[in-house]
Amino acid sequence: MTWGSNILGQLGDGTTTDRTTPVQVCAQGASAPCTSFLNGVTRAAAGYGHTVALRSDGTARTWGYNSSGQLGNGTTSGSTTPVRVCAVGLSAPCGTFESSLTAVAAGSQTLALRADGGVHAWGSNSFGLLGDGTTTDRSTPVRSVRSGRPRRASNRSPGPSPSPPPPTTPWRWSGPENPPLGRPGRPRHDERAGDRAAEHPRTGPA
């Protein structure tokens, strides 16, 4: 269920009418007034004008604003009802779609964590938000690159390369217009291909 501002179709009910009470999100391919609705949603995230929902089958649906490709369907056209997210490397019209997803997040871009630990990203890439080593917006998912790969960019002072982290180390990237992920209270950075979220292990109580 969704409610609130709907000027960009971010409620997913097939309209751009603001709602003061909850409404159901239409099913993919439906049009208002909808008679079938999105189901099986286990997680959802609200971005800057768009919404992403993760289903129990590991697939994702997106709707709302799409000026930078944040819906991931290979276009930059907004949608007031859910669309499927294309698989990595495809262009519209897509015949294969994202799967095996376990978590989602959204801002002016969309991020998805895969069951194999990989991260896919699409949408606005200002300041390297997608973590693919570029600043090119993407309307379909790309693979985010881990720190230490050749395309990493950072504003830190040069120094010895760190030892490779263990596989469970969390990674994050951010730009000056966004809070630094996993680094509260620290200055914002333009780190286009990711960096470790925790440079120093905790030694005290959480």
N, C-alpha and C. Protein backbone atom coordinates (compact mmCIF):
# COMPACT_ATOMS: atom_id res chain seq x y z
N MET A 1 0.84 -1.19 0.00
CA MET A 1 0.00 0.00 0.00
C MET A 1 0.88 1.25 0.00
N THR A 2 0.43 2.29 -0.69
CA THR A 2 1.18 3.54 -0.75
C THR A 2 0.23 4.71 -0.55
N TRP A 3 0.79 5.85 -0.14
CA TRP A 3 -0.01 7.06 0.03
C TRP A 3 0.91 8.27 0.09
N GLY A 4 0.32 9.46 -0.12
CA GLY A 4 1.10 10.70 -0.08
C GLY A 4 1.16 11.38 -1.43
N SER A 5 2.25 12.12 -1.65
CA SER A 5 2.44 12.83 -2.92
C SER A 5 2.53 11.84 -4.07
N ASN A 6 1.90 12.20 -5.18
CA ASN A 6 1.87 11.30 -6.33
C ASN A 6 2.05 12.05 -7.64
N ILE A 7 2.67 13.22 -7.57
CA ILE A 7 2.80 14.06 -8.76
C ILE A 7 3.60 13.39 -9.87
N LEU A 8 4.46 12.44 -9.50
CA LEU A 8 5.30 11.75 -10.48
C LEU A 8 4.87 10.29 -10.68
N GLY A 9 3.73 9.93 -10.12
CA GLY A 9 3.25 8.56 -10.26
C GLY A 9 3.91 7.58 -9.32
N GLN A 10 4.56 8.11 -8.27
CA GLN A 10 5.34 7.25 -7.38
C GLN A 10 4.51 6.35 -6.47
N LEU A 11 3.18 6.54 -6.46
CA LEU A 11 2.34 5.63 -5.66
C LEU A 11 2.00 4.36 -6.42
N GLY A 12 2.14 4.38 -7.73
CA GLY A 12 1.95 3.16 -8.51
C GLY A 12 0.51 2.73 -8.71
N ASP A 13 -0.44 3.66 -8.53
CA ASP A 13 -1.85 3.29 -8.67
C ASP A 13 -2.42 3.67 -10.04
N GLY A 14 -1.54 4.01 -10.98
CA GLY A 14 -1.99 4.34 -12.32
C GLY A 14 -2.43 5.77 -12.51
N THR A 15 -2.27 6.60 -11.47
CA THR A 15 -2.67 8.00 -11.54
C THR A 15 -1.54 8.89 -11.04
N THR A 16 -1.78 10.21 -11.09
CA THR A 16 -0.87 11.17 -10.45
C THR A 16 -1.64 11.97 -9.40
N THR A 17 -2.63 11.33 -8.81
CA THR A 17 -3.46 11.96 -7.79
C THR A 17 -2.87 11.70 -6.41
N ASP A 18 -2.63 12.77 -5.64
CA ASP A 18 -2.14 12.60 -4.27
C ASP A 18 -3.17 11.83 -3.45
N ARG A 19 -2.69 11.05 -2.48
CA ARG A 19 -3.59 10.23 -1.67
C ARG A 19 -3.33 10.47 -0.18
N THR A 20 -4.39 10.72 0.55
CA THR A 20 -4.27 10.90 2.00
C THR A 20 -4.57 9.62 2.76
N THR A 21 -4.99 8.59 2.04
CA THR A 21 -5.20 7.26 2.62
C THR A 21 -4.54 6.23 1.70
N PRO A 22 -4.19 5.07 2.22
CA PRO A 22 -3.47 4.07 1.42
C PRO A 22 -4.26 3.58 0.20
N VAL A 23 -3.51 3.34 -0.87
CA VAL A 23 -4.08 2.73 -2.08
C VAL A 23 -3.22 1.54 -2.46
N GLN A 24 -3.80 0.62 -3.19
CA GLN A 24 -3.04 -0.53 -3.66
C GLN A 24 -2.23 -0.18 -4.90
N VAL A 25 -1.08 -0.81 -5.02
CA VAL A 25 -0.22 -0.62 -6.19
C VAL A 25 -0.71 -1.56 -7.30
N CYS A 26 -0.89 -1.01 -8.47
CA CYS A 26 -1.37 -1.81 -9.60
C CYS A 26 -0.37 -2.91 -9.96
N ALA A 27 -0.87 -3.94 -10.58
CA ALA A 27 0.00 -4.99 -11.10
C ALA A 27 0.73 -4.47 -12.33
N GLN A 28 1.83 -5.10 -12.66
CA GLN A 28 2.57 -4.75 -13.88
C GLN A 28 1.65 -4.88 -15.08
N GLY A 29 1.64 -3.86 -15.93
CA GLY A 29 0.83 -3.89 -17.15
C GLY A 29 -0.59 -3.44 -16.98
N ALA A 30 -1.04 -3.21 -15.74
CA ALA A 30 -2.41 -2.76 -15.50
C ALA A 30 -2.52 -1.27 -15.75
N SER A 31 -3.73 -0.78 -15.90
CA SER A 31 -3.97 0.65 -16.05
C SER A 31 -5.17 1.05 -15.21
N ALA A 32 -5.20 2.30 -14.81
CA ALA A 32 -6.26 2.78 -13.92
C ALA A 32 -7.61 2.84 -14.65
N PRO A 33 -8.70 2.50 -13.95
CA PRO A 33 -8.73 1.96 -12.58
C PRO A 33 -8.33 0.49 -12.56
N CYS A 34 -7.33 0.17 -11.77
CA CYS A 34 -6.75 -1.17 -11.76
C CYS A 34 -7.65 -2.18 -11.07
N THR A 35 -7.68 -3.37 -11.61
CA THR A 35 -8.43 -4.46 -10.99
C THR A 35 -7.51 -5.59 -10.55
N SER A 36 -6.23 -5.52 -10.91
CA SER A 36 -5.23 -6.48 -10.43
C SER A 36 -4.09 -5.68 -9.82
N PHE A 37 -3.46 -6.26 -8.80
CA PHE A 37 -2.53 -5.48 -7.99
C PHE A 37 -1.23 -6.24 -7.73
N LEU A 38 -0.19 -5.48 -7.46
CA LEU A 38 1.12 -6.05 -7.17
C LEU A 38 1.06 -6.87 -5.89
N ASN A 39 1.65 -8.06 -5.91
CA ASN A 39 1.65 -8.90 -4.71
C ASN A 39 3.02 -9.53 -4.52
N GLY A 40 3.18 -10.24 -3.41
CA GLY A 40 4.43 -10.93 -3.13
C GLY A 40 5.59 -10.03 -2.78
N VAL A 41 5.31 -8.78 -2.40
CA VAL A 41 6.37 -7.83 -2.08
C VAL A 41 6.91 -8.10 -0.67
N THR A 42 8.23 -8.21 -0.56
CA THR A 42 8.87 -8.45 0.73
C THR A 42 9.64 -7.24 1.24
N ARG A 43 10.10 -6.39 0.33
CA ARG A 43 10.83 -5.18 0.70
C ARG A 43 10.51 -4.09 -0.32
N ALA A 44 10.63 -2.84 0.12
CA ALA A 44 10.42 -1.72 -0.80
C ALA A 44 11.28 -0.55 -0.36
N ALA A 45 11.58 0.33 -1.30
CA ALA A 45 12.35 1.53 -1.00
C ALA A 45 11.81 2.68 -1.83
N ALA A 46 11.77 3.87 -1.22
CA ALA A 46 11.30 5.07 -1.90
C ALA A 46 12.48 5.94 -2.27
N GLY A 47 12.57 6.33 -3.53
CA GLY A 47 13.63 7.21 -3.99
C GLY A 47 13.13 8.62 -4.14
N TYR A 48 13.84 9.42 -4.91
CA TYR A 48 13.46 10.80 -5.16
C TYR A 48 12.44 10.86 -6.29
N GLY A 49 11.22 10.39 -6.02
CA GLY A 49 10.17 10.42 -7.03
C GLY A 49 9.87 9.07 -7.65
N HIS A 50 10.59 8.03 -7.24
CA HIS A 50 10.26 6.70 -7.75
C HIS A 50 10.29 5.69 -6.61
N THR A 51 9.73 4.52 -6.87
CA THR A 51 9.65 3.47 -5.86
C THR A 51 10.13 2.16 -6.46
N VAL A 52 10.81 1.35 -5.64
CA VAL A 52 11.25 0.03 -6.08
C VAL A 52 10.74 -0.99 -5.07
N ALA A 53 10.20 -2.09 -5.57
CA ALA A 53 9.69 -3.16 -4.71
C ALA A 53 10.37 -4.47 -5.06
N LEU A 54 10.79 -5.19 -4.04
CA LEU A 54 11.40 -6.51 -4.21
C LEU A 54 10.35 -7.57 -3.93
N ARG A 55 10.20 -8.51 -4.83
CA ARG A 55 9.21 -9.58 -4.66
C ARG A 55 9.86 -10.83 -4.08
N SER A 56 9.03 -11.71 -3.58
CA SER A 56 9.51 -12.93 -2.94
C SER A 56 10.22 -13.86 -3.93
N ASP A 57 9.99 -13.68 -5.21
CA ASP A 57 10.66 -14.51 -6.22
C ASP A 57 12.02 -13.95 -6.62
N GLY A 58 12.47 -12.86 -5.95
CA GLY A 58 13.78 -12.29 -6.23
C GLY A 58 13.81 -11.31 -7.38
N THR A 59 12.65 -10.96 -7.93
CA THR A 59 12.58 -9.97 -8.99
C THR A 59 12.18 -8.61 -8.42
N ALA A 60 12.33 -7.56 -9.21
CA ALA A 60 12.01 -6.21 -8.75
C ALA A 60 11.02 -5.55 -9.69
N ARG A 61 10.21 -4.65 -9.13
CA ARG A 61 9.32 -3.80 -9.90
C ARG A 61 9.58 -2.35 -9.49
N THR A 62 9.51 -1.45 -10.46
CA THR A 62 9.75 -0.03 -10.19
C THR A 62 8.65 0.80 -10.84
N TRP A 63 8.44 2.01 -10.30
CA TRP A 63 7.46 2.91 -10.90
C TRP A 63 7.73 4.34 -10.42
N GLY A 64 7.20 5.31 -11.19
CA GLY A 64 7.37 6.72 -10.83
C GLY A 64 8.29 7.45 -11.80
N TYR A 65 9.05 8.39 -11.25
CA TYR A 65 9.94 9.27 -12.02
C TYR A 65 11.08 8.47 -12.64
N ASN A 66 11.50 8.88 -13.86
CA ASN A 66 12.48 8.06 -14.57
C ASN A 66 13.42 8.90 -15.44
N SER A 67 13.67 10.14 -15.07
CA SER A 67 14.44 11.03 -15.94
C SER A 67 15.87 10.56 -16.15
N SER A 68 16.41 9.81 -15.20
CA SER A 68 17.79 9.32 -15.30
C SER A 68 17.87 7.82 -15.51
N GLY A 69 16.72 7.20 -15.77
CA GLY A 69 16.70 5.75 -15.97
C GLY A 69 16.58 4.96 -14.69
N GLN A 70 16.12 5.61 -13.60
CA GLN A 70 16.09 4.94 -12.31
C GLN A 70 15.07 3.81 -12.20
N LEU A 71 14.19 3.67 -13.19
CA LEU A 71 13.28 2.52 -13.19
C LEU A 71 13.95 1.27 -13.74
N GLY A 72 15.04 1.44 -14.48
CA GLY A 72 15.81 0.29 -14.93
C GLY A 72 15.20 -0.51 -16.05
N ASN A 73 14.23 0.07 -16.75
CA ASN A 73 13.55 -0.67 -17.83
C ASN A 73 14.05 -0.29 -19.21
N GLY A 74 15.19 0.41 -19.28
CA GLY A 74 15.79 0.75 -20.56
C GLY A 74 15.27 2.02 -21.19
N THR A 75 14.43 2.77 -20.47
CA THR A 75 13.90 4.02 -20.98
C THR A 75 14.11 5.13 -19.95
N THR A 76 13.74 6.34 -20.34
CA THR A 76 13.72 7.46 -19.38
C THR A 76 12.32 8.04 -19.28
N SER A 77 11.32 7.21 -19.59
CA SER A 77 9.92 7.61 -19.49
C SER A 77 9.36 7.15 -18.15
N GLY A 78 8.70 8.06 -17.45
CA GLY A 78 8.11 7.69 -16.17
C GLY A 78 6.95 6.72 -16.34
N SER A 79 6.59 6.06 -15.25
CA SER A 79 5.49 5.10 -15.29
C SER A 79 4.68 5.20 -14.00
N THR A 80 3.36 5.27 -14.13
CA THR A 80 2.49 5.34 -12.95
C THR A 80 2.09 3.96 -12.46
N THR A 81 2.55 2.92 -13.15
CA THR A 81 2.33 1.54 -12.70
C THR A 81 3.66 0.79 -12.79
N PRO A 82 3.79 -0.33 -12.10
CA PRO A 82 5.07 -1.04 -12.04
C PRO A 82 5.57 -1.55 -13.40
N VAL A 83 6.89 -1.50 -13.55
CA VAL A 83 7.57 -2.10 -14.71
C VAL A 83 8.65 -3.04 -14.19
N ARG A 84 9.10 -3.95 -15.03
CA ARG A 84 10.17 -4.87 -14.64
C ARG A 84 11.52 -4.25 -14.93
N VAL A 85 12.52 -4.65 -14.17
CA VAL A 85 13.88 -4.15 -14.33
C VAL A 85 14.65 -5.08 -15.25
N CYS A 86 15.24 -4.50 -16.29
CA CYS A 86 16.01 -5.30 -17.25
C CYS A 86 17.22 -5.95 -16.60
N ALA A 87 17.71 -7.01 -17.20
CA ALA A 87 18.95 -7.64 -16.75
C ALA A 87 20.14 -6.80 -17.19
N VAL A 88 21.28 -7.02 -16.56
CA VAL A 88 22.51 -6.30 -16.88
C VAL A 88 22.86 -6.48 -18.36
N GLY A 89 23.26 -5.38 -19.00
CA GLY A 89 23.75 -5.45 -20.37
C GLY A 89 22.70 -5.39 -21.46
N LEU A 90 21.42 -5.32 -21.09
CA LEU A 90 20.36 -5.30 -22.10
C LEU A 90 19.90 -3.88 -22.39
N SER A 91 19.16 -3.74 -23.47
CA SER A 91 18.53 -2.47 -23.81
C SER A 91 17.08 -2.74 -24.17
N ALA A 92 16.25 -1.70 -24.07
CA ALA A 92 14.82 -1.87 -24.31
C ALA A 92 14.54 -2.14 -25.79
N PRO A 93 13.53 -2.99 -26.08
CA PRO A 93 12.70 -3.72 -25.13
C PRO A 93 13.41 -4.97 -24.61
N CYS A 94 13.44 -5.14 -23.32
CA CYS A 94 14.21 -6.23 -22.70
C CYS A 94 13.41 -7.53 -22.69
N GLY A 95 14.12 -8.62 -22.91
CA GLY A 95 13.49 -9.93 -22.85
C GLY A 95 13.91 -10.73 -21.64
N THR A 96 14.94 -10.25 -20.93
CA THR A 96 15.43 -10.90 -19.72
C THR A 96 15.48 -9.85 -18.62
N PHE A 97 15.19 -10.27 -17.39
CA PHE A 97 15.03 -9.30 -16.31
C PHE A 97 15.83 -9.69 -15.08
N GLU A 98 16.04 -8.70 -14.22
CA GLU A 98 16.79 -8.93 -12.98
C GLU A 98 16.12 -10.02 -12.15
N SER A 99 16.95 -10.85 -11.50
CA SER A 99 16.44 -11.92 -10.64
C SER A 99 17.46 -12.19 -9.54
N SER A 100 17.12 -13.06 -8.62
CA SER A 100 18.00 -13.44 -7.51
C SER A 100 18.40 -12.23 -6.66
N LEU A 101 17.49 -11.27 -6.51
CA LEU A 101 17.76 -10.09 -5.69
C LEU A 101 17.31 -10.34 -4.26
N THR A 102 18.03 -9.74 -3.30
CA THR A 102 17.70 -9.94 -1.89
C THR A 102 17.42 -8.65 -1.14
N ALA A 103 17.80 -7.51 -1.70
CA ALA A 103 17.55 -6.22 -1.03
C ALA A 103 17.60 -5.12 -2.07
N VAL A 104 16.92 -4.00 -1.77
CA VAL A 104 16.90 -2.86 -2.69
C VAL A 104 17.04 -1.57 -1.90
N ALA A 105 17.52 -0.53 -2.58
CA ALA A 105 17.63 0.81 -1.99
C ALA A 105 17.45 1.81 -3.12
N ALA A 106 17.08 3.04 -2.77
CA ALA A 106 16.81 4.02 -3.81
C ALA A 106 17.12 5.44 -3.35
N GLY A 107 17.50 6.27 -4.32
CA GLY A 107 17.70 7.70 -4.11
C GLY A 107 17.36 8.35 -5.43
N SER A 108 18.32 8.98 -6.09
CA SER A 108 18.13 9.37 -7.49
C SER A 108 18.58 8.22 -8.39
N GLN A 109 19.10 7.18 -7.77
CA GLN A 109 19.46 5.94 -8.43
C GLN A 109 18.76 4.79 -7.72
N THR A 110 18.93 3.58 -8.23
CA THR A 110 18.39 2.40 -7.58
C THR A 110 19.50 1.37 -7.45
N LEU A 111 19.55 0.72 -6.29
CA LEU A 111 20.57 -0.30 -6.02
C LEU A 111 19.88 -1.61 -5.66
N ALA A 112 20.48 -2.71 -6.06
CA ALA A 112 19.94 -4.02 -5.73
C ALA A 112 21.08 -4.95 -5.33
N LEU A 113 20.91 -5.61 -4.21
CA LEU A 113 21.87 -6.61 -3.74
C LEU A 113 21.43 -7.98 -4.24
N ARG A 114 22.36 -8.73 -4.79
CA ARG A 114 22.06 -10.05 -5.31
C ARG A 114 22.40 -11.14 -4.30
N ALA A 115 21.82 -12.31 -4.51
CA ALA A 115 22.06 -13.43 -3.61
C ALA A 115 23.52 -13.86 -3.61
N ASP A 116 24.23 -13.61 -4.70
CA ASP A 116 25.65 -13.98 -4.76
C ASP A 116 26.56 -12.91 -4.16
N GLY A 117 25.97 -11.85 -3.59
CA GLY A 117 26.75 -10.79 -2.96
C GLY A 117 27.08 -9.64 -3.88
N GLY A 118 26.77 -9.76 -5.16
CA GLY A 118 27.02 -8.66 -6.09
C GLY A 118 26.01 -7.54 -5.93
N VAL A 119 26.36 -6.36 -6.43
CA VAL A 119 25.47 -5.21 -6.39
C VAL A 119 25.25 -4.71 -7.82
N HIS A 120 24.00 -4.51 -8.17
CA HIS A 120 23.64 -3.92 -9.45
C HIS A 120 23.03 -2.55 -9.18
N ALA A 121 23.28 -1.60 -10.09
CA ALA A 121 22.82 -0.23 -9.89
C ALA A 121 22.38 0.37 -11.21
N TRP A 122 21.43 1.32 -11.15
CA TRP A 122 20.96 1.99 -12.35
C TRP A 122 20.34 3.34 -11.95
N GLY A 123 20.22 4.24 -12.94
CA GLY A 123 19.67 5.57 -12.68
C GLY A 123 20.72 6.65 -12.76
N SER A 124 20.56 7.68 -11.93
CA SER A 124 21.50 8.81 -11.94
C SER A 124 22.88 8.35 -11.49
N ASN A 125 23.89 8.84 -12.21
CA ASN A 125 25.27 8.48 -11.87
C ASN A 125 26.11 9.73 -11.58
N SER A 126 25.44 10.80 -11.16
CA SER A 126 26.16 12.00 -10.75
C SER A 126 27.14 11.65 -9.64
N PHE A 127 28.35 12.13 -9.74
CA PHE A 127 29.39 11.90 -8.74
C PHE A 127 29.70 10.41 -8.56
N GLY A 128 29.35 9.59 -9.55
CA GLY A 128 29.67 8.17 -9.47
C GLY A 128 28.76 7.36 -8.58
N LEU A 129 27.48 7.76 -8.46
CA LEU A 129 26.56 7.10 -7.54
C LEU A 129 26.35 5.62 -7.84
N LEU A 130 26.55 5.20 -9.09
CA LEU A 130 26.31 3.80 -9.43
C LEU A 130 27.50 2.90 -9.12
N GLY A 131 28.64 3.49 -8.84
CA GLY A 131 29.79 2.69 -8.45
C GLY A 131 30.40 1.87 -9.56
N ASP A 132 30.18 2.28 -10.82
CA ASP A 132 30.73 1.51 -11.93
C ASP A 132 31.97 2.16 -12.52
N GLY A 133 32.52 3.16 -11.83
CA GLY A 133 33.74 3.80 -12.30
C GLY A 133 33.51 4.89 -13.33
N THR A 134 32.23 5.24 -13.60
CA THR A 134 31.92 6.31 -14.55
C THR A 134 30.95 7.29 -13.90
N THR A 135 30.59 8.32 -14.65
CA THR A 135 29.53 9.24 -14.21
C THR A 135 28.41 9.27 -15.24
N THR A 136 28.24 8.19 -15.97
CA THR A 136 27.22 8.07 -17.01
C THR A 136 25.94 7.49 -16.43
N ASP A 137 24.81 8.19 -16.60
CA ASP A 137 23.53 7.65 -16.15
C ASP A 137 23.24 6.34 -16.88
N ARG A 138 22.53 5.43 -16.21
CA ARG A 138 22.23 4.12 -16.80
C ARG A 138 20.74 3.82 -16.67
N SER A 139 20.10 3.44 -17.77
CA SER A 139 18.68 3.11 -17.73
C SER A 139 18.45 1.61 -17.57
N THR A 140 19.51 0.83 -17.55
CA THR A 140 19.46 -0.58 -17.20
C THR A 140 20.60 -0.87 -16.23
N PRO A 141 20.52 -1.94 -15.47
CA PRO A 141 21.51 -2.20 -14.43
C PRO A 141 22.94 -2.39 -14.94
N VAL A 142 23.88 -1.94 -14.13
CA VAL A 142 25.30 -2.22 -14.34
C VAL A 142 25.83 -2.84 -13.05
N ARG A 143 26.95 -3.53 -13.16
CA ARG A 143 27.58 -4.11 -11.98
C ARG A 143 28.45 -3.06 -11.30
N SER A 144 28.28 -2.91 -10.02
CA SER A 144 29.13 -1.99 -9.27
C SER A 144 30.48 -2.65 -9.04
N VAL A 145 31.54 -1.85 -9.10
CA VAL A 145 32.91 -2.35 -9.02
C VAL A 145 33.44 -2.19 -7.61
N ARG A 146 34.08 -3.23 -7.09
CA ARG A 146 34.65 -3.15 -5.75
C ARG A 146 35.92 -2.32 -5.73
N SER A 147 36.22 -1.75 -4.56
CA SER A 147 37.44 -0.97 -4.39
C SER A 147 38.67 -1.80 -4.70
N GLY A 148 39.70 -1.12 -5.22
CA GLY A 148 40.93 -1.80 -5.56
C GLY A 148 41.01 -2.17 -7.02
N ARG A 149 39.86 -2.12 -7.72
CA ARG A 149 39.87 -2.35 -9.16
C ARG A 149 40.43 -1.11 -9.85
N PRO A 150 40.88 -1.24 -11.10
CA PRO A 150 41.55 -0.12 -11.78
C PRO A 150 40.71 1.14 -11.90
N ARG A 151 39.36 1.02 -11.90
CA ARG A 151 38.55 2.19 -12.17
C ARG A 151 38.21 3.00 -10.93
N ARG A 152 38.78 2.64 -9.79
CA ARG A 152 38.46 3.35 -8.56
C ARG A 152 38.99 4.78 -8.59
N ALA A 153 38.16 5.74 -8.16
CA ALA A 153 38.59 7.13 -8.06
C ALA A 153 38.26 7.64 -6.67
N SER A 154 39.16 8.38 -6.06
CA SER A 154 38.95 8.90 -4.71
C SER A 154 39.70 10.19 -4.56
N ASN A 155 39.24 11.04 -3.62
CA ASN A 155 39.95 12.29 -3.37
C ASN A 155 40.91 12.17 -2.19
N ARG A 156 41.22 10.95 -1.79
CA ARG A 156 42.15 10.77 -0.68
C ARG A 156 43.58 11.01 -1.13
N SER A 157 44.44 11.27 -0.18
CA SER A 157 45.86 11.43 -0.47
C SER A 157 46.45 10.09 -0.88
N PRO A 158 47.44 10.12 -1.79
CA PRO A 158 48.07 8.86 -2.20
C PRO A 158 48.73 8.16 -1.01
N GLY A 159 48.77 6.88 -1.05
CA GLY A 159 49.40 6.13 0.03
C GLY A 159 49.47 4.68 -0.33
N PRO A 160 50.01 3.86 0.55
CA PRO A 160 50.11 2.43 0.27
C PRO A 160 48.74 1.82 0.05
N SER A 161 48.68 0.87 -0.85
CA SER A 161 47.42 0.18 -1.10
C SER A 161 47.08 -0.70 0.08
N PRO A 162 45.80 -0.70 0.51
CA PRO A 162 45.42 -1.56 1.63
C PRO A 162 45.42 -3.02 1.22
N SER A 163 45.53 -3.89 2.19
CA SER A 163 45.44 -5.32 1.91
C SER A 163 44.03 -5.65 1.47
N PRO A 164 43.85 -6.65 0.63
CA PRO A 164 42.50 -7.02 0.20
C PRO A 164 41.65 -7.38 1.41
N PRO A 165 40.39 -6.90 1.46
CA PRO A 165 39.51 -7.18 2.59
C PRO A 165 38.92 -8.57 2.48
N PRO A 166 38.40 -9.09 3.58
CA PRO A 166 37.70 -10.37 3.52
C PRO A 166 36.42 -10.22 2.72
N PRO A 167 35.87 -11.34 2.20
CA PRO A 167 34.67 -11.26 1.36
C PRO A 167 33.48 -10.62 2.03
N THR A 168 33.41 -10.62 3.36
CA THR A 168 32.24 -10.09 4.05
C THR A 168 32.32 -8.60 4.31
N THR A 169 33.43 -7.94 3.94
CA THR A 169 33.56 -6.52 4.19
C THR A 169 32.52 -5.73 3.40
N PRO A 170 31.74 -4.84 4.05
CA PRO A 170 30.76 -4.05 3.31
C PRO A 170 31.44 -2.93 2.54
N TRP A 171 30.84 -2.55 1.43
CA TRP A 171 31.40 -1.50 0.57
C TRP A 171 30.36 -0.43 0.34
N ARG A 172 30.83 0.81 0.08
CA ARG A 172 29.91 1.90 -0.18
C ARG A 172 30.59 2.96 -1.04
N TRP A 173 29.78 3.81 -1.64
CA TRP A 173 30.30 4.94 -2.41
C TRP A 173 29.28 6.05 -2.27
N SER A 174 29.70 7.29 -2.52
CA SER A 174 28.78 8.41 -2.36
C SER A 174 29.29 9.61 -3.13
N GLY A 175 28.45 10.63 -3.23
CA GLY A 175 28.83 11.88 -3.86
C GLY A 175 28.57 13.03 -2.93
N PRO A 176 29.02 14.24 -3.28
CA PRO A 176 28.87 15.37 -2.39
C PRO A 176 27.44 15.80 -2.15
N GLU A 177 26.47 15.33 -2.97
CA GLU A 177 25.09 15.69 -2.75
C GLU A 177 24.35 14.66 -1.91
N ASN A 178 25.02 13.58 -1.52
CA ASN A 178 24.39 12.49 -0.80
C ASN A 178 25.16 12.17 0.46
N PRO A 179 24.46 11.68 1.51
CA PRO A 179 25.17 11.26 2.72
C PRO A 179 26.15 10.16 2.40
N PRO A 180 27.33 10.17 2.98
CA PRO A 180 28.31 9.10 2.73
C PRO A 180 27.82 7.80 3.32
N LEU A 181 27.71 6.78 2.51
CA LEU A 181 27.15 5.52 2.95
C LEU A 181 28.09 4.79 3.89
N GLY A 182 27.60 4.42 5.05
CA GLY A 182 28.40 3.65 5.99
C GLY A 182 29.49 4.46 6.65
N ARG A 183 29.42 5.78 6.55
CA ARG A 183 30.49 6.60 7.10
C ARG A 183 29.90 7.84 7.77
N PRO A 184 29.01 7.68 8.75
CA PRO A 184 28.35 8.82 9.36
C PRO A 184 29.34 9.78 9.98
N GLY A 185 29.07 11.08 9.76
CA GLY A 185 29.90 12.10 10.38
C GLY A 185 31.17 12.40 9.64
N ARG A 186 31.49 11.63 8.57
CA ARG A 186 32.70 11.87 7.81
C ARG A 186 32.41 12.80 6.64
N PRO A 187 33.43 13.46 6.08
CA PRO A 187 33.21 14.29 4.90
C PRO A 187 32.73 13.45 3.73
N ARG A 188 31.96 14.08 2.86
CA ARG A 188 31.50 13.37 1.67
C ARG A 188 32.65 13.18 0.70
N HIS A 189 32.58 12.11 -0.07
CA HIS A 189 33.64 11.79 -1.02
C HIS A 189 33.04 11.46 -2.38
N ASP A 190 33.82 11.65 -3.41
CA ASP A 190 33.47 11.17 -4.75
C ASP A 190 34.27 9.89 -4.96
N GLU A 191 33.66 8.75 -4.62
CA GLU A 191 34.34 7.47 -4.68
C GLU A 191 33.54 6.58 -5.62
N ARG A 192 33.93 6.58 -6.89
CA ARG A 192 33.07 6.06 -7.93
C ARG A 192 32.99 4.55 -8.00
N ALA A 193 33.92 3.85 -7.45
CA ALA A 193 33.88 2.40 -7.58
C ALA A 193 33.86 1.70 -6.24
N GLY A 194 33.55 2.42 -5.19
CA GLY A 194 33.38 1.80 -3.89
C GLY A 194 34.61 1.87 -3.02
N ASP A 195 34.39 1.82 -1.74
CA ASP A 195 35.46 1.83 -0.77
C ASP A 195 34.92 1.14 0.47
N ARG A 196 35.78 0.71 1.36
CA ARG A 196 35.29 -0.01 2.52
C ARG A 196 34.45 0.88 3.41
N ALA A 197 33.32 0.35 3.88
CA ALA A 197 32.44 1.13 4.73
C ALA A 197 33.05 1.33 6.11
N ALA A 198 33.86 0.42 6.55
CA ALA A 198 34.47 0.52 7.87
C ALA A 198 35.97 0.37 7.73
N GLU A 199 36.70 1.47 7.91
CA GLU A 199 38.16 1.41 7.76
C GLU A 199 38.82 0.88 9.03
N HIS A 200 38.15 1.07 10.15
CA HIS A 200 38.71 0.63 11.42
C HIS A 200 37.67 -0.20 12.16
N PRO A 201 38.01 -1.36 12.64
CA PRO A 201 37.04 -2.18 13.36
C PRO A 201 36.63 -1.54 14.66
N ARG A 202 35.41 -1.80 15.10
CA ARG A 202 34.95 -1.32 16.40
C ARG A 202 35.74 -1.99 17.52
N THR A 203 36.09 -1.21 18.51
CA THR A 203 36.80 -1.78 19.66
C THR A 203 36.00 -1.62 20.93
N GLY A 204 34.92 -0.88 20.87
CA GLY A 204 34.09 -0.65 22.04
C GLY A 204 32.69 -1.16 21.81
N PRO A 205 31.80 -0.92 22.75
CA PRO A 205 30.42 -1.38 22.59
C PRO A 205 29.72 -0.65 21.47
N ALA A 206 28.74 -1.29 20.87
CA ALA A 206 28.00 -0.70 19.75
C ALA A 206 27.18 0.47 20.25
